[in-house]
Amino acid sequence: MNNESQKIEIAKRFEQLYEPLLALWSPDEEYASEDERYLGIFENLLVGVYGDCYGINAEYNDDGDLIAEATEYEVEVAQLENYHDETEKFSFEIESDLSWGTQFIQGQS
């Protein structure tokens, strides 16, 4: 599975869980294809449109410089009904095995 298809699968899973949120927070935009729409949703996940996104397993040196990119992410999904509720977390992982040239995905909510 390539990197783009991983992102699409993550976005589809997010859409299934949070369709009303997507309808409110996603811009009305025309996409060339459904795949492009899902890639847009994925990018919105990473930049925090649907809630704060954290790279859980990113590694930093003592000076605070990034030395290894995250492969596990968590999005604190904004709650629209009641701001006093705990935020829900949407977690996903993108793993790549560069020695084999393949990538795998695992997603959960």
PDB file of N, CA and C in Angstrom:
ATOM      1  N   MET A   1       0.857  -1.170   0.000  1.00  0.00           N
ATOM      2  CA  MET A   1       0.000   0.000   0.000  1.00  0.00           C
ATOM      3  C   MET A   1       0.904   1.235   0.000  1.00  0.00           C
ATOM      4  N   ASN A   2       0.643   2.170  -0.888  1.00  0.00           N
ATOM      5  CA  ASN A   2       1.501   3.350  -0.941  1.00  0.00           C
ATOM      6  C   ASN A   2       1.038   4.414   0.055  1.00  0.00           C
ATOM      7  N   ASN A   3       1.867   5.412   0.219  1.00  0.00           N
ATOM      8  CA  ASN A   3       1.606   6.454   1.207  1.00  0.00           C
ATOM      9  C   ASN A   3       0.274   7.153   0.953  1.00  0.00           C
ATOM     10  N   GLU A   4      -0.031   7.428  -0.298  1.00  0.00           N
ATOM     11  CA  GLU A   4      -1.282   8.114  -0.626  1.00  0.00           C
ATOM     12  C   GLU A   4      -2.498   7.264  -0.269  1.00  0.00           C
ATOM     13  N   SER A   5      -2.441   5.987  -0.541  1.00  0.00           N
ATOM     14  CA  SER A   5      -3.579   5.122  -0.215  1.00  0.00           C
ATOM     15  C   SER A   5      -3.744   4.968   1.292  1.00  0.00           C
ATOM     16  N   GLN A   6      -2.651   5.032   2.043  1.00  0.00           N
ATOM     17  CA  GLN A   6      -2.740   5.007   3.508  1.00  0.00           C
ATOM     18  C   GLN A   6      -3.511   6.228   4.002  1.00  0.00           C
ATOM     19  N   LYS A   7      -3.164   7.391   3.473  1.00  0.00           N
ATOM     20  CA  LYS A   7      -3.824   8.632   3.876  1.00  0.00           C
ATOM     21  C   LYS A   7      -5.312   8.585   3.555  1.00  0.00           C
ATOM     22  N   ILE A   8      -5.653   8.041   2.407  1.00  0.00           N
ATOM     23  CA  ILE A   8      -7.059   7.930   1.990  1.00  0.00           C
ATOM     24  C   ILE A   8      -7.822   7.024   2.948  1.00  0.00           C
ATOM     25  N   GLU A   9      -7.234   5.896   3.319  1.00  0.00           N
ATOM     26  CA  GLU A   9      -7.898   4.968   4.240  1.00  0.00           C
ATOM     27  C   GLU A   9      -8.105   5.601   5.612  1.00  0.00           C
ATOM     28  N   ILE A  10      -7.128   6.356   6.096  1.00  0.00           N
ATOM     29  CA  ILE A  10      -7.270   7.047   7.374  1.00  0.00           C
ATOM     30  C   ILE A  10      -8.405   8.064   7.290  1.00  0.00           C
ATOM     31  N   ALA A  11      -8.442   8.837   6.213  1.00  0.00           N
ATOM     32  CA  ALA A  11      -9.493   9.848   6.037  1.00  0.00           C
ATOM     33  C   ALA A  11     -10.869   9.206   5.950  1.00  0.00           C
ATOM     34  N   LYS A  12     -10.983   8.085   5.275  1.00  0.00           N
ATOM     35  CA  LYS A  12     -12.268   7.381   5.186  1.00  0.00           C
ATOM     36  C   LYS A  12     -12.734   6.932   6.567  1.00  0.00           C
ATOM     37  N   ARG A  13     -11.813   6.410   7.364  1.00  0.00           N
ATOM     38  CA  ARG A  13     -12.159   5.965   8.715  1.00  0.00           C
ATOM     39  C   ARG A  13     -12.610   7.163   9.557  1.00  0.00           C
ATOM     40  N   PHE A  14     -11.899   8.282   9.431  1.00  0.00           N
ATOM     41  CA  PHE A  14     -12.274   9.486  10.170  1.00  0.00           C
ATOM     42  C   PHE A  14     -13.656   9.963   9.738  1.00  0.00           C
ATOM     43  N   GLU A  15     -13.920   9.951   8.440  1.00  0.00           N
ATOM     44  CA  GLU A  15     -15.221  10.384   7.930  1.00  0.00           C
ATOM     45  C   GLU A  15     -16.346   9.513   8.476  1.00  0.00           C
ATOM     46  N   GLN A  16     -16.134   8.211   8.560  1.00  0.00           N
ATOM     47  CA  GLN A  16     -17.157   7.315   9.086  1.00  0.00           C
ATOM     48  C   GLN A  16     -17.500   7.657  10.533  1.00  0.00           C
ATOM     49  N   LEU A  17     -16.496   8.039  11.307  1.00  0.00           N
ATOM     50  CA  LEU A  17     -16.710   8.327  12.720  1.00  0.00           C
ATOM     51  C   LEU A  17     -17.225   9.741  12.982  1.00  0.00           C
ATOM     52  N   TYR A  18     -16.831  10.691  12.135  1.00  0.00           N
ATOM     53  CA  TYR A  18     -17.100  12.097  12.420  1.00  0.00           C
ATOM     54  C   TYR A  18     -17.702  12.830  11.232  1.00  0.00           C
ATOM     55  N   GLU A  19     -18.638  12.219  10.545  1.00  0.00           N
ATOM     56  CA  GLU A  19     -19.236  12.836   9.360  1.00  0.00           C
ATOM     57  C   GLU A  19     -19.863  14.202   9.649  1.00  0.00           C
ATOM     58  N   PRO A  20     -20.623  14.382  10.746  1.00  0.00           N
ATOM     59  CA  PRO A  20     -21.189  15.720  11.005  1.00  0.00           C
ATOM     60  C   PRO A  20     -20.102  16.788  11.197  1.00  0.00           C
ATOM     61  N   LEU A  21     -19.015  16.426  11.840  1.00  0.00           N
ATOM     62  CA  LEU A  21     -17.913  17.360  12.036  1.00  0.00           C
ATOM     63  C   LEU A  21     -17.305  17.768  10.694  1.00  0.00           C
ATOM     64  N   LEU A  22     -17.123  16.814   9.818  1.00  0.00           N
ATOM     65  CA  LEU A  22     -16.571  17.120   8.495  1.00  0.00           C
ATOM     66  C   LEU A  22     -17.468  18.078   7.732  1.00  0.00           C
ATOM     67  N   ALA A  23     -18.767  17.869   7.829  1.00  0.00           N
ATOM     68  CA  ALA A  23     -19.701  18.727   7.106  1.00  0.00           C
ATOM     69  C   ALA A  23     -19.614  20.174   7.602  1.00  0.00           C
ATOM     70  N   LEU A  24     -19.376  20.359   8.888  1.00  0.00           N
ATOM     71  CA  LEU A  24     -19.297  21.708   9.448  1.00  0.00           C
ATOM     72  C   LEU A  24     -17.946  22.374   9.230  1.00  0.00           C
ATOM     73  N   TRP A  25     -16.867  21.604   9.295  1.00  0.00           N
ATOM     74  CA  TRP A  25     -15.538  22.189   9.325  1.00  0.00           C
ATOM     75  C   TRP A  25     -14.791  22.121   8.004  1.00  0.00           C
ATOM     76  N   SER A  26     -15.259  21.339   7.078  1.00  0.00           N
ATOM     77  CA  SER A  26     -14.569  21.236   5.789  1.00  0.00           C
ATOM     78  C   SER A  26     -15.085  22.309   4.846  1.00  0.00           C
ATOM     79  N   PRO A  27     -14.183  22.935   4.117  1.00  0.00           N
ATOM     80  CA  PRO A  27     -14.636  23.961   3.164  1.00  0.00           C
ATOM     81  C   PRO A  27     -15.418  23.328   2.016  1.00  0.00           C
ATOM     82  N   ASP A  28     -16.372  24.079   1.499  1.00  0.00           N
ATOM     83  CA  ASP A  28     -17.071  23.622   0.298  1.00  0.00           C
ATOM     84  C   ASP A  28     -16.104  23.809  -0.858  1.00  0.00           C
ATOM     85  N   GLU A  29     -15.566  22.724  -1.289  1.00  0.00           N
ATOM     86  CA  GLU A  29     -14.526  22.777  -2.297  1.00  0.00           C
ATOM     87  C   GLU A  29     -14.790  21.696  -3.339  1.00  0.00           C
ATOM     88  N   GLU A  30     -14.508  22.003  -4.550  1.00  0.00           N
ATOM     89  CA  GLU A  30     -14.621  21.018  -5.617  1.00  0.00           C
ATOM     90  C   GLU A  30     -13.289  20.285  -5.749  1.00  0.00           C
ATOM     91  N   TYR A  31     -13.348  18.977  -5.766  1.00  0.00           N
ATOM     92  CA  TYR A  31     -12.152  18.157  -5.912  1.00  0.00           C
ATOM     93  C   TYR A  31     -12.209  17.423  -7.237  1.00  0.00           C
ATOM     94  N   ALA A  32     -11.056  17.141  -7.793  1.00  0.00           N
ATOM     95  CA  ALA A  32     -10.973  16.432  -9.068  1.00  0.00           C
ATOM     96  C   ALA A  32     -11.475  14.999  -8.935  1.00  0.00           C
ATOM     97  N   SER A  33     -11.367  14.429  -7.725  1.00  0.00           N
ATOM     98  CA  SER A  33     -11.796  13.051  -7.500  1.00  0.00           C
ATOM     99  C   SER A  33     -12.089  12.845  -6.020  1.00  0.00           C
ATOM    100  N   GLU A  34     -12.691  11.734  -5.708  1.00  0.00           N
ATOM    101  CA  GLU A  34     -12.935  11.375  -4.311  1.00  0.00           C
ATOM    102  C   GLU A  34     -11.609  11.187  -3.587  1.00  0.00           C
ATOM    103  N   ASP A  35     -10.626  10.603  -4.259  1.00  0.00           N
ATOM    104  CA  ASP A  35      -9.317  10.426  -3.637  1.00  0.00           C
ATOM    105  C   ASP A  35      -8.730  11.773  -3.227  1.00  0.00           C
ATOM    106  N   GLU A  36      -8.863  12.778  -4.080  1.00  0.00           N
ATOM    107  CA  GLU A  36      -8.355  14.114  -3.753  1.00  0.00           C
ATOM    108  C   GLU A  36      -9.098  14.692  -2.547  1.00  0.00           C
ATOM    109  N   ARG A  37     -10.375  14.431  -2.456  1.00  0.00           N
ATOM    110  CA  ARG A  37     -11.160  14.903  -1.307  1.00  0.00           C
ATOM    111  C   ARG A  37     -10.649  14.257  -0.018  1.00  0.00           C
ATOM    112  N   TYR A  38     -10.404  12.951  -0.070  1.00  0.00           N
ATOM    113  CA  TYR A  38      -9.897  12.262   1.117  1.00  0.00           C
ATOM    114  C   TYR A  38      -8.491  12.721   1.478  1.00  0.00           C
ATOM    115  N   LEU A  39      -7.671  13.005   0.502  1.00  0.00           N
ATOM    116  CA  LEU A  39      -6.339  13.531   0.792  1.00  0.00           C
ATOM    117  C   LEU A  39      -6.444  14.905   1.456  1.00  0.00           C
ATOM    118  N   GLY A  40      -7.442  15.685   1.064  1.00  0.00           N
ATOM    119  CA  GLY A  40      -7.696  16.975   1.708  1.00  0.00           C
ATOM    120  C   GLY A  40      -8.104  16.796   3.162  1.00  0.00           C
ATOM    121  N   ILE A  41      -8.960  15.813   3.421  1.00  0.00           N
ATOM    122  CA  ILE A  41      -9.374  15.519   4.800  1.00  0.00           C
ATOM    123  C   ILE A  41      -8.162  15.118   5.628  1.00  0.00           C
ATOM    124  N   PHE A  42      -7.301  14.270   5.066  1.00  0.00           N
ATOM    125  CA  PHE A  42      -6.107  13.839   5.791  1.00  0.00           C
ATOM    126  C   PHE A  42      -5.217  15.037   6.142  1.00  0.00           C
ATOM    127  N   GLU A  43      -4.992  15.904   5.179  1.00  0.00           N
ATOM    128  CA  GLU A  43      -4.165  17.087   5.437  1.00  0.00           C
ATOM    129  C   GLU A  43      -4.802  17.959   6.519  1.00  0.00           C
ATOM    130  N   ASN A  44      -6.136  18.082   6.500  1.00  0.00           N
ATOM    131  CA  ASN A  44      -6.832  18.842   7.537  1.00  0.00           C
ATOM    132  C   ASN A  44      -6.648  18.212   8.917  1.00  0.00           C
ATOM    133  N   LEU A  45      -6.600  16.871   8.963  1.00  0.00           N
ATOM    134  CA  LEU A  45      -6.324  16.190  10.225  1.00  0.00           C
ATOM    135  C   LEU A  45      -4.973  16.624  10.776  1.00  0.00           C
ATOM    136  N   LEU A  46      -3.964  16.618   9.926  1.00  0.00           N
ATOM    137  CA  LEU A  46      -2.599  16.920  10.374  1.00  0.00           C
ATOM    138  C   LEU A  46      -2.421  18.374  10.802  1.00  0.00           C
ATOM    139  N   VAL A  47      -3.102  19.293  10.138  1.00  0.00           N
ATOM    140  CA  VAL A  47      -2.907  20.710  10.471  1.00  0.00           C
ATOM    141  C   VAL A  47      -3.854  21.198  11.560  1.00  0.00           C
ATOM    142  N   GLY A  48      -4.724  20.332  12.068  1.00  0.00           N
ATOM    143  CA  GLY A  48      -5.535  20.685  13.224  1.00  0.00           C
ATOM    144  C   GLY A  48      -6.895  21.271  12.950  1.00  0.00           C
ATOM    145  N   VAL A  49      -7.435  21.093  11.759  1.00  0.00           N
ATOM    146  CA  VAL A  49      -8.763  21.628  11.452  1.00  0.00           C
ATOM    147  C   VAL A  49      -9.838  20.987  12.326  1.00  0.00           C
ATOM    148  N   TYR A  50      -9.713  19.688  12.595  1.00  0.00           N
ATOM    149  CA  TYR A  50     -10.741  18.967  13.352  1.00  0.00           C
ATOM    150  C   TYR A  50     -10.380  18.805  14.825  1.00  0.00           C
ATOM    151  N   GLY A  51      -9.257  19.316  15.230  1.00  0.00           N
ATOM    152  CA  GLY A  51      -8.775  19.217  16.603  1.00  0.00           C
ATOM    153  C   GLY A  51      -7.255  19.138  16.589  1.00  0.00           C
ATOM    154  N   ASP A  52      -6.654  19.362  17.742  1.00  0.00           N
ATOM    155  CA  ASP A  52      -5.192  19.351  17.823  1.00  0.00           C
ATOM    156  C   ASP A  52      -4.635  17.984  17.459  1.00  0.00           C
ATOM    157  N   CYS A  53      -3.591  17.976  16.635  1.00  0.00           N
ATOM    158  CA  CYS A  53      -2.963  16.747  16.174  1.00  0.00           C
ATOM    159  C   CYS A  53      -1.550  16.674  16.749  1.00  0.00           C
ATOM    160  N   TYR A  54      -1.229  15.527  17.324  1.00  0.00           N
ATOM    161  CA  TYR A  54       0.079  15.325  17.941  1.00  0.00           C
ATOM    162  C   TYR A  54       0.761  14.099  17.338  1.00  0.00           C
ATOM    163  N   GLY A  55       2.036  14.245  17.038  1.00  0.00           N
ATOM    164  CA  GLY A  55       2.863  13.099  16.662  1.00  0.00           C
ATOM    165  C   GLY A  55       3.349  12.457  17.947  1.00  0.00           C
ATOM    166  N   ILE A  56       2.809  11.306  18.277  1.00  0.00           N
ATOM    167  CA  ILE A  56       3.047  10.694  19.581  1.00  0.00           C
ATOM    168  C   ILE A  56       4.479  10.201  19.741  1.00  0.00           C
ATOM    169  N   ASN A  57       5.027   9.577  18.728  1.00  0.00           N
ATOM    170  CA  ASN A  57       6.334   8.944  18.888  1.00  0.00           C
ATOM    171  C   ASN A  57       7.466   9.676  18.174  1.00  0.00           C
ATOM    172  N   ALA A  58       7.299  10.967  17.919  1.00  0.00           N
ATOM    173  CA  ALA A  58       8.403  11.743  17.353  1.00  0.00           C
ATOM    174  C   ALA A  58       9.536  11.769  18.368  1.00  0.00           C
ATOM    175  N   GLU A  59      10.771  11.794  17.881  1.00  0.00           N
ATOM    176  CA  GLU A  59      11.926  11.809  18.781  1.00  0.00           C
ATOM    177  C   GLU A  59      12.696  13.108  18.606  1.00  0.00           C
ATOM    178  N   TYR A  60      13.128  13.652  19.733  1.00  0.00           N
ATOM    179  CA  TYR A  60      13.869  14.909  19.757  1.00  0.00           C
ATOM    180  C   TYR A  60      15.168  14.713  20.525  1.00  0.00           C
ATOM    181  N   ASN A  61      16.195  15.475  20.169  1.00  0.00           N
ATOM    182  CA  ASN A  61      17.440  15.427  20.931  1.00  0.00           C
ATOM    183  C   ASN A  61      17.329  16.354  22.132  1.00  0.00           C
ATOM    184  N   ASP A  62      18.392  16.448  22.912  1.00  0.00           N
ATOM    185  CA  ASP A  62      18.370  17.263  24.133  1.00  0.00           C
ATOM    186  C   ASP A  62      18.144  18.743  23.854  1.00  0.00           C
ATOM    187  N   ASP A  63      18.472  19.190  22.650  1.00  0.00           N
ATOM    188  CA  ASP A  63      18.272  20.587  22.284  1.00  0.00           C
ATOM    189  C   ASP A  63      16.867  20.864  21.756  1.00  0.00           C
ATOM    190  N   GLY A  64      16.044  19.829  21.675  1.00  0.00           N
ATOM    191  CA  GLY A  64      14.683  19.987  21.187  1.00  0.00           C
ATOM    192  C   GLY A  64      14.543  19.898  19.683  1.00  0.00           C
ATOM    193  N   ASP A  65      15.605  19.485  18.990  1.00  0.00           N
ATOM    194  CA  ASP A  65      15.556  19.331  17.539  1.00  0.00           C
ATOM    195  C   ASP A  65      14.971  17.969  17.176  1.00  0.00           C
ATOM    196  N   LEU A  66      14.115  17.951  16.178  1.00  0.00           N
ATOM    197  CA  LEU A  66      13.497  16.713  15.714  1.00  0.00           C
ATOM    198  C   LEU A  66      14.553  15.808  15.100  1.00  0.00           C
ATOM    199  N   ILE A  67      14.622  14.559  15.575  1.00  0.00           N
ATOM    200  CA  ILE A  67      15.577  13.607  14.992  1.00  0.00           C
ATOM    201  C   ILE A  67      14.881  12.436  14.307  1.00  0.00           C
ATOM    202  N   ALA A  68      13.607  12.195  14.624  1.00  0.00           N
ATOM    203  CA  ALA A  68      12.839  11.126  13.967  1.00  0.00           C
ATOM    204  C   ALA A  68      11.380  11.557  13.871  1.00  0.00           C
ATOM    205  N   GLU A  69      10.842  11.549  12.653  1.00  0.00           N
ATOM    206  CA  GLU A  69       9.440  11.910  12.420  1.00  0.00           C
ATOM    207  C   GLU A  69       8.514  10.914  13.114  1.00  0.00           C
ATOM    208  N   ALA A  70       7.358  11.382  13.499  1.00  0.00           N
ATOM    209  CA  ALA A  70       6.354  10.519  14.108  1.00  0.00           C
ATOM    210  C   ALA A  70       5.738   9.591  13.073  1.00  0.00           C
ATOM    211  N   THR A  71       5.358   8.418  13.519  1.00  0.00           N
ATOM    212  CA  THR A  71       4.570   7.501  12.700  1.00  0.00           C
ATOM    213  C   THR A  71       3.218   7.246  13.348  1.00  0.00           C
ATOM    214  N   GLU A  72       3.079   7.616  14.617  1.00  0.00           N
ATOM    215  CA  GLU A  72       1.821   7.478  15.341  1.00  0.00           C
ATOM    216  C   GLU A  72       1.296   8.878  15.648  1.00  0.00           C
ATOM    217  N   TYR A  73       0.005   9.073  15.398  1.00  0.00           N
ATOM    218  CA  TYR A  73      -0.608  10.379  15.589  1.00  0.00           C
ATOM    219  C   TYR A  73      -1.893  10.236  16.392  1.00  0.00           C
ATOM    220  N   GLU A  74      -2.246  11.329  17.061  1.00  0.00           N
ATOM    221  CA  GLU A  74      -3.484  11.381  17.816  1.00  0.00           C
ATOM    222  C   GLU A  74      -4.103  12.748  17.585  1.00  0.00           C
ATOM    223  N   VAL A  75      -5.386  12.753  17.261  1.00  0.00           N
ATOM    224  CA  VAL A  75      -6.116  13.995  17.058  1.00  0.00           C
ATOM    225  C   VAL A  75      -7.139  14.111  18.171  1.00  0.00           C
ATOM    226  N   GLU A  76      -7.086  15.230  18.895  1.00  0.00           N
ATOM    227  CA  GLU A  76      -8.098  15.512  19.909  1.00  0.00           C
ATOM    228  C   GLU A  76      -9.265  16.172  19.197  1.00  0.00           C
ATOM    229  N   VAL A  77     -10.255  15.384  18.870  1.00  0.00           N
ATOM    230  CA  VAL A  77     -11.371  15.840  18.047  1.00  0.00           C
ATOM    231  C   VAL A  77     -12.236  16.806  18.835  1.00  0.00           C
ATOM    232  N   ALA A  78     -12.441  17.981  18.256  1.00  0.00           N
ATOM    233  CA  ALA A  78     -13.238  19.016  18.905  1.00  0.00           C
ATOM    234  C   ALA A  78     -14.674  18.554  19.071  1.00  0.00           C
ATOM    235  N   GLN A  79     -15.230  18.786  20.233  1.00  0.00           N
ATOM    236  CA  GLN A  79     -16.612  18.437  20.503  1.00  0.00           C
ATOM    237  C   GLN A  79     -17.478  19.664  20.252  1.00  0.00           C
ATOM    238  N   LEU A  80     -18.487  19.517  19.446  1.00  0.00           N
ATOM    239  CA  LEU A  80     -19.311  20.657  19.081  1.00  0.00           C
ATOM    240  C   LEU A  80     -20.513  20.859  20.000  1.00  0.00           C
ATOM    241  N   GLU A  81     -21.007  19.777  20.590  1.00  0.00           N
ATOM    242  CA  GLU A  81     -22.236  19.882  21.373  1.00  0.00           C
ATOM    243  C   GLU A  81     -21.999  20.551  22.726  1.00  0.00           C
ATOM    244  N   ASN A  82     -20.955  20.132  23.425  1.00  0.00           N
ATOM    245  CA  ASN A  82     -20.737  20.605  24.786  1.00  0.00           C
ATOM    246  C   ASN A  82     -19.242  20.767  25.002  1.00  0.00           C
ATOM    247  N   TYR A  83     -18.807  21.985  25.199  1.00  0.00           N
ATOM    248  CA  TYR A  83     -17.376  22.241  25.351  1.00  0.00           C
ATOM    249  C   TYR A  83     -16.816  21.722  26.672  1.00  0.00           C
ATOM    250  N   HIS A  84     -17.677  21.279  27.585  1.00  0.00           N
ATOM    251  CA  HIS A  84     -17.209  20.747  28.856  1.00  0.00           C
ATOM    252  C   HIS A  84     -16.942  19.248  28.779  1.00  0.00           C
ATOM    253  N   ASP A  85     -17.357  18.613  27.703  1.00  0.00           N
ATOM    254  CA  ASP A  85     -17.089  17.187  27.526  1.00  0.00           C
ATOM    255  C   ASP A  85     -15.607  16.974  27.262  1.00  0.00           C
ATOM    256  N   GLU A  86     -15.129  15.802  27.627  1.00  0.00           N
ATOM    257  CA  GLU A  86     -13.761  15.448  27.261  1.00  0.00           C
ATOM    258  C   GLU A  86     -13.681  15.330  25.746  1.00  0.00           C
ATOM    259  N   THR A  87     -12.523  15.653  25.220  1.00  0.00           N
ATOM    260  CA  THR A  87     -12.357  15.504  23.784  1.00  0.00           C
ATOM    261  C   THR A  87     -12.210  14.029  23.444  1.00  0.00           C
ATOM    262  N   GLU A  88     -12.698  13.669  22.276  1.00  0.00           N
ATOM    263  CA  GLU A  88     -12.505  12.321  21.786  1.00  0.00           C
ATOM    264  C   GLU A  88     -11.174  12.273  21.067  1.00  0.00           C
ATOM    265  N   LYS A  89     -10.568  11.110  21.050  1.00  0.00           N
ATOM    266  CA  LYS A  89      -9.278  10.970  20.393  1.00  0.00           C
ATOM    267  C   LYS A  89      -9.398  10.030  19.202  1.00  0.00           C
ATOM    268  N   PHE A  90      -8.870  10.475  18.086  1.00  0.00           N
ATOM    269  CA  PHE A  90      -8.786   9.661  16.883  1.00  0.00           C
ATOM    270  C   PHE A  90      -7.309   9.391  16.668  1.00  0.00           C
ATOM    271  N   SER A  91      -6.933   8.125  16.712  1.00  0.00           N
ATOM    272  CA  SER A  91      -5.529   7.749  16.584  1.00  0.00           C
ATOM    273  C   SER A  91      -5.300   6.991  15.293  1.00  0.00           C
ATOM    274  N   PHE A  92      -4.143   7.228  14.704  1.00  0.00           N
ATOM    275  CA  PHE A  92      -3.766   6.470  13.525  1.00  0.00           C
ATOM    276  C   PHE A  92      -2.257   6.344  13.455  1.00  0.00           C
ATOM    277  N   GLU A  93      -1.829   5.359  12.699  1.00  0.00           N
ATOM    278  CA  GLU A  93      -0.405   5.078  12.577  1.00  0.00           C
ATOM    279  C   GLU A  93      -0.066   4.821  11.120  1.00  0.00           C
ATOM    280  N   ILE A  94       1.025   5.378  10.702  1.00  0.00           N
ATOM    281  CA  ILE A  94       1.565   5.092   9.380  1.00  0.00           C
ATOM    282  C   ILE A  94       2.951   4.530   9.599  1.00  0.00           C
ATOM    283  N   GLU A  95       3.123   3.289   9.227  1.00  0.00           N
ATOM    284  CA  GLU A  95       4.423   2.650   9.372  1.00  0.00           C
ATOM    285  C   GLU A  95       5.016   2.417   8.003  1.00  0.00           C
ATOM    286  N   SER A  96       6.296   2.630   7.903  1.00  0.00           N
ATOM    287  CA  SER A  96       6.962   2.331   6.641  1.00  0.00           C
ATOM    288  C   SER A  96       8.163   1.460   6.913  1.00  0.00           C
ATOM    289  N   ASP A  97       8.301   0.442   6.140  1.00  0.00           N
ATOM    290  CA  ASP A  97       9.448  -0.447   6.205  1.00  0.00           C
ATOM    291  C   ASP A  97      10.274  -0.155   4.962  1.00  0.00           C
ATOM    292  N   LEU A  98      11.230   0.750   5.094  1.00  0.00           N
ATOM    293  CA  LEU A  98      12.003   1.191   3.937  1.00  0.00           C
ATOM    294  C   LEU A  98      12.846   0.078   3.347  1.00  0.00           C
ATOM    295  N   SER A  99      13.215  -0.921   4.156  1.00  0.00           N
ATOM    296  CA  SER A  99      14.041  -1.995   3.620  1.00  0.00           C
ATOM    297  C   SER A  99      13.277  -2.823   2.592  1.00  0.00           C
ATOM    298  N   TRP A 100      11.952  -2.876   2.708  1.00  0.00           N
ATOM    299  CA  TRP A 100      11.131  -3.629   1.759  1.00  0.00           C
ATOM    300  C   TRP A 100      10.446  -2.721   0.753  1.00  0.00           C
ATOM    301  N   GLY A 101      10.477  -1.422   1.023  1.00  0.00           N
ATOM    302  CA  GLY A 101       9.845  -0.477   0.110  1.00  0.00           C
ATOM    303  C   GLY A 101       8.337  -0.498   0.162  1.00  0.00           C
ATOM    304  N   THR A 102       7.771  -0.990   1.258  1.00  0.00           N
ATOM    305  CA  THR A 102       6.322  -1.026   1.399  1.00  0.00           C
ATOM    306  C   THR A 102       5.918  -0.243   2.634  1.00  0.00           C
ATOM    307  N   GLN A 103       4.660   0.115   2.701  1.00  0.00           N
ATOM    308  CA  GLN A 103       4.141   0.835   3.847  1.00  0.00           C
ATOM    309  C   GLN A 103       2.841   0.192   4.290  1.00  0.00           C
ATOM    310  N   PHE A 104       2.616   0.265   5.579  1.00  0.00           N
ATOM    311  CA  PHE A 104       1.417  -0.352   6.159  1.00  0.00           C
ATOM    312  C   PHE A 104       0.668   0.677   6.978  1.00  0.00           C
ATOM    313  N   ILE A 105      -0.586   0.431   7.173  1.00  0.00           N
ATOM    314  CA  ILE A 105      -1.412   1.358   7.943  1.00  0.00           C
ATOM    315  C   ILE A 105      -2.197   0.584   8.989  1.00  0.00           C
ATOM    316  N   GLN A 106      -2.356   1.229  10.126  1.00  0.00           N
ATOM    317  CA  GLN A 106      -3.278   0.740  11.143  1.00  0.00           C
ATOM    318  C   GLN A 106      -4.018   1.956  11.635  1.00  0.00           C
ATOM    319  N   GLY A 107      -5.305   1.862  11.785  1.00  0.00           N
ATOM    320  CA  GLY A 107      -6.078   3.007  12.267  1.00  0.00           C
ATOM    321  C   GLY A 107      -7.045   2.558  13.315  1.00  0.00           C
ATOM    322  N   GLN A 108      -7.370   3.469  14.187  1.00  0.00           N
ATOM    323  CA  GLN A 108      -8.333   3.145  15.247  1.00  0.00           C
ATOM    324  C   GLN A 108      -8.960   4.425  15.719  1.00  0.00           C
ATOM    325  N   SER A 109      -9.996   4.259  16.468  1.00  0.00           N
ATOM    326  CA  SER A 109     -10.608   5.438  17.076  1.00  0.00           C
ATOM    327  C   SER A 109     -10.634   5.256  18.558  1.00  0.00           C
TER     328      SER A 109
END
